[in-house]
N, C-alpha and C. Protein backbone atom coordinates (compact mmCIF):
# COMPACT_ATOMS: atom_id res chain seq x y z
N MET A 1 113.02 144.82 169.58
CA MET A 1 112.93 145.61 168.43
C MET A 1 113.66 145.09 167.24
N ALA A 2 114.93 144.68 167.51
CA ALA A 2 115.80 144.08 166.56
C ALA A 2 115.20 142.73 166.11
N LYS A 3 114.54 142.07 167.18
CA LYS A 3 114.04 140.79 166.87
C LYS A 3 112.81 140.90 165.94
N ASN A 4 112.06 142.02 166.06
CA ASN A 4 110.89 142.21 165.21
C ASN A 4 111.36 142.54 163.79
N ILE A 5 112.36 143.29 163.62
CA ILE A 5 112.85 143.60 162.34
C ILE A 5 113.43 142.25 161.66
N LEU A 6 113.97 141.51 162.35
CA LEU A 6 114.62 140.22 161.85
C LEU A 6 113.41 139.36 161.36
N VAL A 7 112.35 139.35 162.11
CA VAL A 7 111.22 138.49 161.81
C VAL A 7 110.41 138.97 160.58
N LYS A 8 110.44 140.28 160.46
CA LYS A 8 109.78 140.95 159.28
C LYS A 8 110.60 140.70 158.03
N LYS A 9 111.95 140.73 158.20
CA LYS A 9 112.72 140.53 156.97
C LYS A 9 112.66 138.99 156.53
N LEU A 10 112.47 138.06 157.57
CA LEU A 10 112.42 136.75 157.22
C LEU A 10 111.16 136.43 156.53
N ILE A 11 110.05 137.09 156.99
CA ILE A 11 108.68 136.91 156.44
C ILE A 11 108.77 137.47 154.96
N LEU A 12 109.42 138.53 154.76
CA LEU A 12 109.47 139.19 153.39
C LEU A 12 110.29 138.21 152.44
N PHE A 13 111.32 137.72 153.10
CA PHE A 13 112.25 136.81 152.19
C PHE A 13 111.48 135.59 151.70
N LEU A 14 110.77 135.04 152.76
CA LEU A 14 110.03 133.82 152.46
C LEU A 14 108.82 133.99 151.48
N SER A 15 108.31 135.16 151.56
CA SER A 15 107.11 135.53 150.63
C SER A 15 107.71 135.73 149.21
N VAL A 16 108.82 136.38 148.97
CA VAL A 16 109.38 136.40 147.72
C VAL A 16 109.86 135.04 147.12
N PHE A 17 110.38 134.30 148.03
CA PHE A 17 110.96 132.90 147.76
C PHE A 17 109.71 131.99 147.24
N ILE A 18 108.70 132.13 147.98
CA ILE A 18 107.44 131.27 147.64
C ILE A 18 106.87 131.78 146.41
N MET A 19 106.64 133.04 146.24
CA MET A 19 106.03 133.59 145.04
C MET A 19 106.73 133.38 143.72
N LEU A 20 108.03 133.46 143.84
CA LEU A 20 108.90 133.34 142.65
C LEU A 20 108.58 132.22 141.72
N PRO A 21 108.64 131.02 142.20
CA PRO A 21 108.28 129.93 141.19
C PRO A 21 106.93 129.99 140.81
N ILE A 22 105.93 130.47 141.55
CA ILE A 22 104.53 130.61 141.10
C ILE A 22 104.45 131.54 139.97
N SER A 23 105.26 132.78 140.06
CA SER A 23 105.05 133.77 139.04
C SER A 23 105.77 133.23 137.72
N SER A 24 106.92 132.43 137.85
CA SER A 24 107.54 131.99 136.70
C SER A 24 106.64 130.99 136.01
N TYR A 25 106.02 130.16 136.82
CA TYR A 25 105.18 129.08 136.21
C TYR A 25 104.01 129.78 135.53
N SER A 26 103.37 130.75 136.05
CA SER A 26 102.41 131.42 135.49
C SER A 26 102.68 132.09 134.12
N LEU A 27 103.88 132.71 134.01
CA LEU A 27 104.38 133.27 132.85
C LEU A 27 104.59 132.25 131.78
N ASP A 28 105.11 131.20 132.18
CA ASP A 28 105.35 129.98 131.24
C ASP A 28 104.09 129.61 130.60
N VAL A 29 103.11 129.38 131.53
CA VAL A 29 101.77 128.89 131.04
C VAL A 29 101.29 129.79 130.15
N VAL A 30 101.28 131.18 130.43
CA VAL A 30 100.65 132.15 129.56
C VAL A 30 101.35 132.23 128.15
N SER A 31 102.72 131.91 128.16
CA SER A 31 103.54 132.01 126.96
C SER A 31 103.25 130.75 126.06
N ILE A 32 102.67 129.72 126.56
CA ILE A 32 102.45 128.57 125.85
C ILE A 32 101.14 128.71 124.99
N ARG A 33 101.24 128.42 123.80
CA ARG A 33 100.05 128.47 123.00
C ARG A 33 99.76 127.14 122.30
N ALA A 34 98.52 126.85 122.28
CA ALA A 34 98.04 125.59 121.61
C ALA A 34 98.43 125.56 120.14
N PRO A 35 99.22 124.55 119.68
CA PRO A 35 99.51 124.59 118.21
C PRO A 35 98.27 124.68 117.36
N GLN A 36 98.35 125.51 116.28
CA GLN A 36 97.20 125.57 115.42
C GLN A 36 97.22 124.40 114.48
N GLN A 37 96.11 123.76 114.34
CA GLN A 37 95.94 122.64 113.44
C GLN A 37 95.61 122.99 112.00
N GLN A 38 96.26 122.58 111.02
CA GLN A 38 96.00 122.78 109.67
C GLN A 38 95.51 121.61 109.06
N VAL A 39 94.39 121.68 108.44
CA VAL A 39 93.83 120.47 107.78
C VAL A 39 94.29 120.41 106.21
N VAL A 40 94.83 119.31 105.97
CA VAL A 40 95.41 119.11 104.61
C VAL A 40 94.57 118.13 103.82
N ALA A 41 93.94 118.57 102.77
CA ALA A 41 93.09 117.66 102.01
C ALA A 41 93.88 117.14 100.86
N VAL A 42 93.73 115.82 100.55
CA VAL A 42 94.43 115.18 99.57
C VAL A 42 93.50 114.68 98.49
N ASP A 43 93.57 114.99 97.23
CA ASP A 43 92.70 114.62 96.32
C ASP A 43 92.79 112.95 96.12
N ALA A 44 91.72 112.36 96.09
CA ALA A 44 91.77 110.93 95.87
C ALA A 44 92.00 110.65 94.42
N LYS A 45 92.87 109.72 94.05
CA LYS A 45 93.22 109.35 92.57
C LYS A 45 93.19 107.86 92.65
N GLN A 46 92.40 107.36 91.67
CA GLN A 46 92.24 105.91 91.49
C GLN A 46 93.55 105.37 90.76
N LEU A 47 94.11 104.36 91.34
CA LEU A 47 95.27 103.81 90.68
C LEU A 47 94.91 103.17 89.38
N ASP A 48 95.71 103.54 88.46
CA ASP A 48 95.48 103.02 87.04
C ASP A 48 95.65 101.58 87.04
N LYS A 49 94.86 100.83 86.21
CA LYS A 49 95.04 99.40 86.25
C LYS A 49 96.33 98.95 85.61
N ARG A 50 96.74 99.74 84.68
CA ARG A 50 98.11 99.48 84.04
C ARG A 50 99.18 99.55 85.08
N ALA A 51 99.01 100.58 85.96
CA ALA A 51 100.09 100.75 86.97
C ALA A 51 100.05 99.58 88.06
N GLN A 52 98.80 99.06 88.26
CA GLN A 52 98.80 97.87 89.16
C GLN A 52 99.38 96.66 88.49
N ILE A 53 99.19 96.49 87.26
CA ILE A 53 99.76 95.35 86.50
C ILE A 53 101.23 95.50 86.48
N LEU A 54 101.76 96.69 86.24
CA LEU A 54 103.16 96.98 86.20
C LEU A 54 103.84 96.74 87.48
N LYS A 55 103.20 97.19 88.43
CA LYS A 55 103.66 97.05 89.87
C LYS A 55 103.97 95.55 90.15
N GLU A 56 102.96 94.78 89.90
CA GLU A 56 103.06 93.30 90.17
C GLU A 56 104.10 92.69 89.30
N TYR A 57 104.13 93.05 88.08
CA TYR A 57 105.28 92.56 87.20
C TYR A 57 106.72 92.76 87.73
N LEU A 58 106.89 94.14 88.06
CA LEU A 58 108.23 94.53 88.56
C LEU A 58 108.45 93.90 89.91
N ALA A 59 107.51 93.58 90.65
CA ALA A 59 107.66 92.91 91.96
C ALA A 59 108.20 91.55 91.84
N ARG A 60 107.91 90.92 90.71
CA ARG A 60 108.49 89.56 90.41
C ARG A 60 110.02 89.68 90.33
N TYR A 61 110.52 90.85 89.80
CA TYR A 61 112.08 90.97 89.73
C TYR A 61 112.57 91.69 91.00
N ASP A 62 111.70 91.86 92.00
CA ASP A 62 112.20 92.55 93.16
C ASP A 62 112.85 94.02 92.79
N SER A 63 112.14 94.51 91.88
CA SER A 63 112.68 95.92 91.31
C SER A 63 112.36 97.08 92.29
N PRO A 64 113.35 97.94 92.45
CA PRO A 64 113.08 99.22 93.32
C PRO A 64 112.12 100.07 92.55
N LEU A 65 111.75 99.79 91.26
CA LEU A 65 110.91 100.64 90.51
C LEU A 65 109.43 100.36 90.66
N GLN A 66 109.19 99.23 91.41
CA GLN A 66 107.82 98.79 91.53
C GLN A 66 106.82 99.78 92.18
N ASN A 67 107.33 100.54 93.04
CA ASN A 67 106.53 101.59 93.73
C ASN A 67 106.38 102.86 92.84
N HIS A 68 106.93 102.78 91.69
CA HIS A 68 106.83 103.90 90.75
C HIS A 68 106.08 103.55 89.43
N ALA A 69 105.36 102.43 89.56
CA ALA A 69 104.57 102.10 88.31
C ALA A 69 103.66 103.17 87.86
N GLN A 70 103.08 103.82 88.63
CA GLN A 70 102.07 104.91 88.27
C GLN A 70 102.90 106.01 87.62
N ASP A 71 104.11 106.34 88.04
CA ASP A 71 104.91 107.35 87.34
C ASP A 71 105.21 106.93 85.83
N PHE A 72 105.46 105.55 85.65
CA PHE A 72 105.70 105.19 84.27
C PHE A 72 104.45 105.44 83.37
N VAL A 73 103.30 105.03 84.04
CA VAL A 73 102.06 105.11 83.21
C VAL A 73 101.75 106.70 83.05
N ASP A 74 101.84 107.57 84.06
CA ASP A 74 101.64 108.91 83.87
C ASP A 74 102.55 109.53 82.82
N ALA A 75 103.82 109.24 82.89
CA ALA A 75 104.79 109.71 81.96
C ALA A 75 104.51 109.36 80.47
N ALA A 76 104.13 108.00 80.28
CA ALA A 76 103.75 107.46 79.04
C ALA A 76 102.56 108.23 78.45
N ASP A 77 101.59 108.41 79.24
CA ASP A 77 100.35 109.16 78.78
C ASP A 77 100.75 110.64 78.50
N GLN A 78 101.63 111.22 79.29
CA GLN A 78 101.91 112.61 79.06
C GLN A 78 102.61 112.83 77.69
N TYR A 79 103.61 111.88 77.37
CA TYR A 79 104.39 111.99 76.14
C TYR A 79 103.92 111.05 75.00
N HIS A 80 102.89 110.43 75.30
CA HIS A 80 102.21 109.69 74.21
C HIS A 80 103.15 108.46 73.67
N ILE A 81 103.64 107.65 74.59
CA ILE A 81 104.46 106.51 74.25
C ILE A 81 103.83 105.29 74.94
N ASP A 82 104.15 104.13 74.44
CA ASP A 82 103.78 102.85 75.00
C ASP A 82 104.16 102.72 76.48
N TRP A 83 103.22 102.48 77.35
CA TRP A 83 103.49 102.54 78.85
C TRP A 83 104.45 101.42 79.20
N LYS A 84 104.57 100.35 78.38
CA LYS A 84 105.42 99.27 78.58
C LYS A 84 106.81 99.46 78.17
N LEU A 85 107.12 100.50 77.26
CA LEU A 85 108.39 100.66 76.51
C LEU A 85 109.56 100.97 77.55
N LEU A 86 109.37 102.00 78.43
CA LEU A 86 110.38 102.37 79.29
C LEU A 86 110.71 101.22 80.36
N PRO A 87 109.67 100.61 80.88
CA PRO A 87 110.03 99.54 81.79
C PRO A 87 110.82 98.39 81.08
N ALA A 88 110.45 98.19 79.85
CA ALA A 88 111.17 97.14 79.11
C ALA A 88 112.64 97.48 78.90
N ILE A 89 112.90 98.78 78.65
CA ILE A 89 114.37 99.25 78.55
C ILE A 89 115.00 99.09 79.74
N ALA A 90 114.37 99.46 80.79
CA ALA A 90 114.90 99.24 82.16
C ALA A 90 115.26 97.74 82.44
N GLY A 91 114.48 96.89 81.91
CA GLY A 91 114.80 95.51 82.17
C GLY A 91 116.08 95.05 81.58
N VAL A 92 116.33 95.68 80.19
CA VAL A 92 117.48 95.30 79.59
C VAL A 92 118.74 96.08 80.11
N GLU A 93 118.59 97.31 80.45
CA GLU A 93 119.74 98.14 80.86
C GLU A 93 120.22 98.03 82.25
N SER A 94 119.29 97.59 83.06
CA SER A 94 119.68 97.63 84.53
C SER A 94 118.98 96.53 85.46
N THR A 95 118.32 95.47 84.73
CA THR A 95 117.54 94.45 85.48
C THR A 95 116.48 95.17 86.32
N PHE A 96 115.83 96.04 85.61
CA PHE A 96 114.67 96.87 86.27
C PHE A 96 115.22 97.67 87.55
N GLY A 97 116.33 98.44 87.22
CA GLY A 97 116.78 99.28 88.26
C GLY A 97 117.66 98.70 89.29
N LYS A 98 118.11 97.46 89.28
CA LYS A 98 118.81 96.79 90.26
C LYS A 98 120.27 96.95 90.14
N GLN A 99 120.70 97.28 88.83
CA GLN A 99 122.11 97.44 88.60
C GLN A 99 122.36 98.73 87.72
N ILE A 100 122.60 99.87 88.52
CA ILE A 100 122.58 101.12 87.83
C ILE A 100 123.96 101.87 88.07
N PRO A 101 124.42 102.78 87.25
CA PRO A 101 125.57 103.44 87.47
C PRO A 101 125.49 104.56 88.55
N GLY A 102 124.26 104.75 88.94
CA GLY A 102 124.05 105.76 89.96
C GLY A 102 123.02 106.76 89.55
N GLY A 103 122.64 107.63 90.33
CA GLY A 103 121.71 108.69 89.93
C GLY A 103 120.36 108.26 89.41
N TYR A 104 119.79 107.21 89.88
CA TYR A 104 118.42 106.78 89.58
C TYR A 104 118.34 106.52 88.01
N ASN A 105 119.40 106.19 87.39
CA ASN A 105 119.50 106.00 85.90
C ASN A 105 119.35 104.51 85.58
N ALA A 106 118.13 104.05 85.38
CA ALA A 106 117.93 102.56 85.06
C ALA A 106 117.83 102.26 83.73
N TYR A 107 118.09 103.25 82.78
CA TYR A 107 117.74 103.09 81.40
C TYR A 107 118.94 103.18 80.39
N GLY A 108 120.12 103.31 81.03
CA GLY A 108 121.41 103.39 80.22
C GLY A 108 121.34 104.82 79.44
N TRP A 109 120.52 105.70 80.08
CA TRP A 109 120.32 107.01 79.35
C TRP A 109 121.59 107.88 79.46
N GLY A 110 122.19 108.40 78.41
CA GLY A 110 123.32 109.25 78.52
C GLY A 110 124.57 108.56 79.05
N VAL A 111 124.66 107.20 78.93
CA VAL A 111 125.81 106.48 79.44
C VAL A 111 126.74 106.27 78.30
N TYR A 112 128.07 106.91 78.60
CA TYR A 112 129.15 106.72 77.55
C TYR A 112 130.36 106.36 78.40
N GLY A 113 130.68 105.12 78.24
CA GLY A 113 131.86 104.64 79.07
C GLY A 113 131.69 104.71 80.63
N ASP A 114 132.52 105.49 81.19
CA ASP A 114 132.48 105.76 82.68
C ASP A 114 131.49 106.90 82.93
N GLN A 115 131.02 107.60 81.92
CA GLN A 115 130.13 108.77 82.11
C GLN A 115 128.70 108.44 82.06
N ALA A 116 127.84 108.90 82.92
CA ALA A 116 126.40 108.67 82.98
C ALA A 116 125.62 109.75 83.40
N LEU A 117 124.51 110.04 82.86
CA LEU A 117 123.64 111.11 83.38
C LEU A 117 123.02 110.57 84.68
N ALA A 118 122.83 111.53 85.69
CA ALA A 118 122.16 111.21 86.84
C ALA A 118 120.78 111.97 87.06
N PHE A 119 119.85 111.34 87.68
CA PHE A 119 118.66 112.05 87.99
C PHE A 119 118.40 112.20 89.50
N LYS A 120 117.57 113.15 89.85
CA LYS A 120 117.43 113.43 91.39
C LYS A 120 116.57 112.36 92.01
N SER A 121 115.81 111.58 91.29
CA SER A 121 114.84 110.59 91.83
C SER A 121 114.42 109.73 90.77
N TRP A 122 113.81 108.61 91.19
CA TRP A 122 113.25 107.64 90.18
C TRP A 122 112.19 108.42 89.22
N THR A 123 111.37 109.11 89.93
CA THR A 123 110.35 109.87 89.29
C THR A 123 110.87 110.81 88.26
N ALA A 124 111.86 111.51 88.66
CA ALA A 124 112.49 112.60 87.70
C ALA A 124 113.03 111.82 86.47
N GLY A 125 113.66 110.67 86.70
CA GLY A 125 114.31 109.96 85.70
C GLY A 125 113.25 109.34 84.73
N ILE A 126 112.14 108.85 85.29
CA ILE A 126 111.14 108.29 84.52
C ILE A 126 110.57 109.39 83.46
N PHE A 127 110.34 110.58 83.99
CA PHE A 127 109.65 111.51 83.18
C PHE A 127 110.66 112.11 82.15
N GLU A 128 112.03 112.37 82.61
CA GLU A 128 112.86 112.85 81.72
C GLU A 128 113.31 112.00 80.51
N VAL A 129 113.41 110.66 80.84
CA VAL A 129 113.66 109.71 79.76
C VAL A 129 112.54 109.44 78.87
N SER A 130 111.29 109.49 79.43
CA SER A 130 110.12 109.44 78.67
C SER A 130 110.03 110.43 77.64
N ARG A 131 110.31 111.69 78.07
CA ARG A 131 110.34 112.93 77.24
C ARG A 131 111.39 112.75 76.11
N GLY A 132 112.62 112.22 76.50
CA GLY A 132 113.67 112.04 75.59
C GLY A 132 113.39 110.96 74.56
N ILE A 133 112.67 109.96 74.91
CA ILE A 133 112.32 108.94 73.96
C ILE A 133 111.22 109.52 72.99
N LYS A 134 110.21 110.29 73.54
CA LYS A 134 109.37 110.83 72.67
C LYS A 134 109.92 111.77 71.63
N GLU A 135 110.81 112.75 72.07
CA GLU A 135 111.29 113.68 71.14
C GLU A 135 112.49 113.22 70.35
N GLY A 136 113.28 112.28 70.83
CA GLY A 136 114.41 111.86 70.17
C GLY A 136 114.23 110.53 69.38
N TYR A 137 113.19 109.90 69.59
CA TYR A 137 113.10 108.63 68.88
C TYR A 137 111.51 108.47 68.17
N VAL A 138 110.51 108.60 69.01
CA VAL A 138 109.17 108.39 68.56
C VAL A 138 108.80 109.39 67.52
N ASP A 139 109.14 110.69 67.81
CA ASP A 139 108.85 111.79 66.83
C ASP A 139 109.60 111.66 65.54
N LYS A 140 110.65 110.76 65.57
CA LYS A 140 111.40 110.70 64.41
C LYS A 140 111.21 109.27 63.72
N GLY A 141 110.04 108.71 64.16
CA GLY A 141 109.77 107.39 63.44
C GLY A 141 110.35 106.25 64.06
N LEU A 142 111.10 106.32 65.21
CA LEU A 142 111.72 105.18 65.80
C LEU A 142 110.87 104.77 67.12
N SER A 143 109.77 104.15 66.87
CA SER A 143 108.99 103.77 68.04
C SER A 143 109.15 102.40 68.46
N GLU A 144 109.74 101.54 67.58
CA GLU A 144 109.93 100.19 67.89
C GLU A 144 111.30 99.84 68.33
N PRO A 145 111.53 98.97 69.27
CA PRO A 145 112.79 98.68 69.76
C PRO A 145 113.89 98.29 68.76
N LEU A 146 113.57 97.58 67.70
CA LEU A 146 114.54 97.23 66.65
C LEU A 146 114.96 98.47 65.83
N ALA A 147 113.92 99.33 65.63
CA ALA A 147 114.28 100.68 65.02
C ALA A 147 115.01 101.63 65.87
N MET A 148 114.82 101.53 67.12
CA MET A 148 115.55 102.34 68.17
C MET A 148 117.04 101.91 68.37
N ASN A 149 117.23 100.64 68.12
CA ASN A 149 118.47 99.92 68.40
C ASN A 149 119.71 100.67 67.94
N ARG A 150 119.62 101.12 66.62
CA ARG A 150 120.86 101.62 66.01
C ARG A 150 121.27 102.98 66.60
N VAL A 151 120.29 103.67 67.30
CA VAL A 151 120.61 105.06 67.87
C VAL A 151 120.79 104.82 69.36
N TYR A 152 120.06 103.97 69.99
CA TYR A 152 120.00 103.96 71.53
C TYR A 152 121.15 103.08 72.01
N ALA A 153 121.55 101.99 71.38
CA ALA A 153 122.55 101.23 71.95
C ALA A 153 123.57 100.63 70.95
N ALA A 154 124.76 100.32 71.33
CA ALA A 154 125.73 99.84 70.36
C ALA A 154 125.47 98.32 70.17
N SER A 155 124.86 97.70 71.15
CA SER A 155 124.68 96.16 70.98
C SER A 155 123.61 95.88 69.93
N PRO A 156 123.96 94.98 68.96
CA PRO A 156 123.02 94.64 67.93
C PRO A 156 121.81 93.92 68.56
N THR A 157 121.86 93.31 69.66
CA THR A 157 120.84 92.46 70.30
C THR A 157 119.91 93.29 71.21
N TRP A 158 120.35 94.57 71.41
CA TRP A 158 119.53 95.33 72.37
C TRP A 158 118.01 95.46 72.01
N GLY A 159 117.75 95.66 70.75
CA GLY A 159 116.30 95.75 70.30
C GLY A 159 115.59 94.47 70.50
N PHE A 160 116.16 93.33 70.34
CA PHE A 160 115.55 91.99 70.58
C PHE A 160 115.21 91.86 72.02
N LYS A 161 116.16 92.22 72.83
CA LYS A 161 116.04 92.09 74.25
C LYS A 161 114.86 92.96 74.85
N VAL A 162 114.81 94.24 74.39
CA VAL A 162 113.71 95.15 74.74
C VAL A 162 112.37 94.55 74.31
N SER A 163 112.41 94.02 73.00
CA SER A 163 111.15 93.44 72.46
C SER A 163 110.67 92.26 73.30
N TYR A 164 111.69 91.52 73.91
CA TYR A 164 111.27 90.36 74.63
C TYR A 164 110.54 90.79 75.91
N PHE A 165 111.00 91.80 76.54
CA PHE A 165 110.33 92.34 77.80
C PHE A 165 109.04 93.01 77.50
N LEU A 166 108.96 93.72 76.29
CA LEU A 166 107.66 94.27 75.87
C LEU A 166 106.56 93.22 75.79
N LYS A 167 106.99 92.05 75.03
CA LYS A 167 106.03 91.01 74.84
C LYS A 167 105.75 90.23 76.09
N ASP A 168 106.75 90.06 76.92
CA ASP A 168 106.44 89.38 78.25
C ASP A 168 105.54 90.21 79.10
N LEU A 169 105.78 91.51 79.16
CA LEU A 169 104.90 92.40 79.91
C LEU A 169 103.54 92.42 79.36
N ASP A 170 103.34 92.41 78.06
CA ASP A 170 102.07 92.28 77.41
C ASP A 170 101.38 91.09 77.71
N LEU A 171 101.98 89.90 77.69
CA LEU A 171 101.51 88.65 78.05
C LEU A 171 101.07 88.64 79.47
N PHE A 172 101.95 89.20 80.32
CA PHE A 172 101.55 89.26 81.81
C PHE A 172 100.27 90.09 82.04
N SER A 173 100.13 91.22 81.26
CA SER A 173 98.94 92.01 81.29
C SER A 173 97.73 91.31 80.91
N LYS A 174 97.82 90.42 79.77
CA LYS A 174 96.66 89.73 79.31
C LYS A 174 96.30 88.63 80.42
N LYS A 175 97.25 88.00 80.97
CA LYS A 175 96.88 86.97 81.94
C LYS A 175 96.26 87.69 83.15
N TYR A 176 96.70 88.81 83.58
CA TYR A 176 96.19 89.52 84.66
C TYR A 176 94.77 89.78 84.36
N ASP A 177 94.46 90.31 83.15
CA ASP A 177 93.12 90.59 82.92
C ASP A 177 92.14 89.34 82.93
N ASP A 178 92.79 88.21 82.45
CA ASP A 178 91.98 87.02 82.44
C ASP A 178 91.73 86.32 83.84
N GLN A 179 92.71 86.41 84.61
CA GLN A 179 92.75 85.67 85.91
C GLN A 179 92.32 86.51 87.05
N LYS A 180 92.53 87.80 86.99
CA LYS A 180 92.31 88.62 88.25
C LYS A 180 91.39 89.89 88.07
N PRO A 181 90.28 89.65 87.27
CA PRO A 181 89.53 90.89 87.08
C PRO A 181 88.81 91.38 88.40
N LYS A 182 88.40 90.29 89.16
CA LYS A 182 87.70 90.76 90.44
C LYS A 182 88.57 91.28 91.47
N LYS A 183 89.84 90.59 91.55
CA LYS A 183 90.89 91.01 92.48
C LYS A 183 91.41 92.40 92.05
N ALA A 184 91.55 92.66 90.82
CA ALA A 184 92.08 94.01 90.46
C ALA A 184 91.08 95.12 90.73
N GLN A 185 89.76 94.81 90.54
CA GLN A 185 88.75 95.82 90.90
C GLN A 185 88.79 96.04 92.37
N SER A 186 88.94 95.04 93.11
CA SER A 186 88.95 95.26 94.61
C SER A 186 90.17 96.02 95.06
N ILE A 187 91.29 95.75 94.50
CA ILE A 187 92.46 96.57 94.77
C ILE A 187 92.36 98.00 94.36
N LEU A 188 91.73 98.24 93.26
CA LEU A 188 91.45 99.64 92.87
C LEU A 188 90.55 100.39 93.73
N ARG A 189 89.49 99.71 94.15
CA ARG A 189 88.55 100.38 95.12
C ARG A 189 89.21 100.58 96.42
N LYS A 190 89.94 99.64 96.93
CA LYS A 190 90.68 99.77 98.23
C LYS A 190 91.61 100.94 98.20
N THR A 191 92.35 100.98 97.02
CA THR A 191 93.39 102.02 96.91
C THR A 191 92.75 103.42 96.84
N ALA A 192 91.64 103.49 96.14
CA ALA A 192 90.93 104.82 96.02
C ALA A 192 90.34 105.18 97.40
N ALA A 193 89.82 104.26 98.12
CA ALA A 193 89.21 104.50 99.45
C ALA A 193 90.30 105.05 100.35
N ALA A 194 91.48 104.31 100.34
CA ALA A 194 92.62 104.64 101.23
C ALA A 194 93.01 106.18 100.85
N SER A 195 93.14 106.39 99.68
CA SER A 195 93.53 107.73 99.08
C SER A 195 92.59 108.87 99.66
N ALA A 196 91.25 108.48 99.64
CA ALA A 196 90.31 109.40 100.04
C ALA A 196 90.35 109.81 101.56
N GLN A 197 91.01 108.91 102.29
CA GLN A 197 91.12 109.14 103.77
C GLN A 197 92.33 109.96 104.06
N LEU A 198 93.10 110.35 103.14
CA LEU A 198 94.38 111.06 103.41
C LEU A 198 94.06 112.50 103.71
N ALA A 199 93.23 112.76 104.69
CA ALA A 199 93.05 114.15 105.14
C ALA A 199 93.50 114.03 106.69
N PHE A 200 94.45 114.77 106.93
CA PHE A 200 94.99 114.60 108.35
C PHE A 200 95.36 115.95 108.97
N ASN A 201 95.55 115.92 110.27
CA ASN A 201 96.06 117.16 110.89
C ASN A 201 97.56 117.23 110.95
N VAL A 202 98.05 118.36 110.64
CA VAL A 202 99.59 118.68 110.73
C VAL A 202 99.79 119.69 111.88
N ASP A 203 100.76 119.39 112.73
CA ASP A 203 101.09 120.38 113.81
C ASP A 203 101.69 121.56 113.14
């Protein structure tokens, strides 16, 4: 009798022991849900030819600004200034962003002695300084480097140096048009095609 009771208890214990991991596994499986996939569509935007020219020009100087060439062009168009002006200023003030006081400020903008304005990113700086040039200089009739010089910088040679980079970039642009029309169109088509494929699944 006692032996039968012991056998029944042992069978009951084994049944619970065996079923326990199975139940836990089942609950875990039920609680797991397949992640919902969200399709993100990205509008294709053709890279501006001016941006491609500027990117290649800045690459010659190993500039950290080269991947923001389109930002320079977009900001120039938005504020109606020469797309070559701000890059030329960056060339004089910081060797195209390679020697800066910090804060993504490649333009000597708001720099007084040890004090300097800081921006959150290269893009933010490009748009903020472009706006400042438009409102503080161009709108006041100071659109040329030599005219800007007396307000923008203390150095009397600043305007000549900016003018040099403006002319150099303009010359580079003309050579680009003369020597690489087919290559430029190919790059633009490939860039547009790559942008059009930026529709992907995000977990």
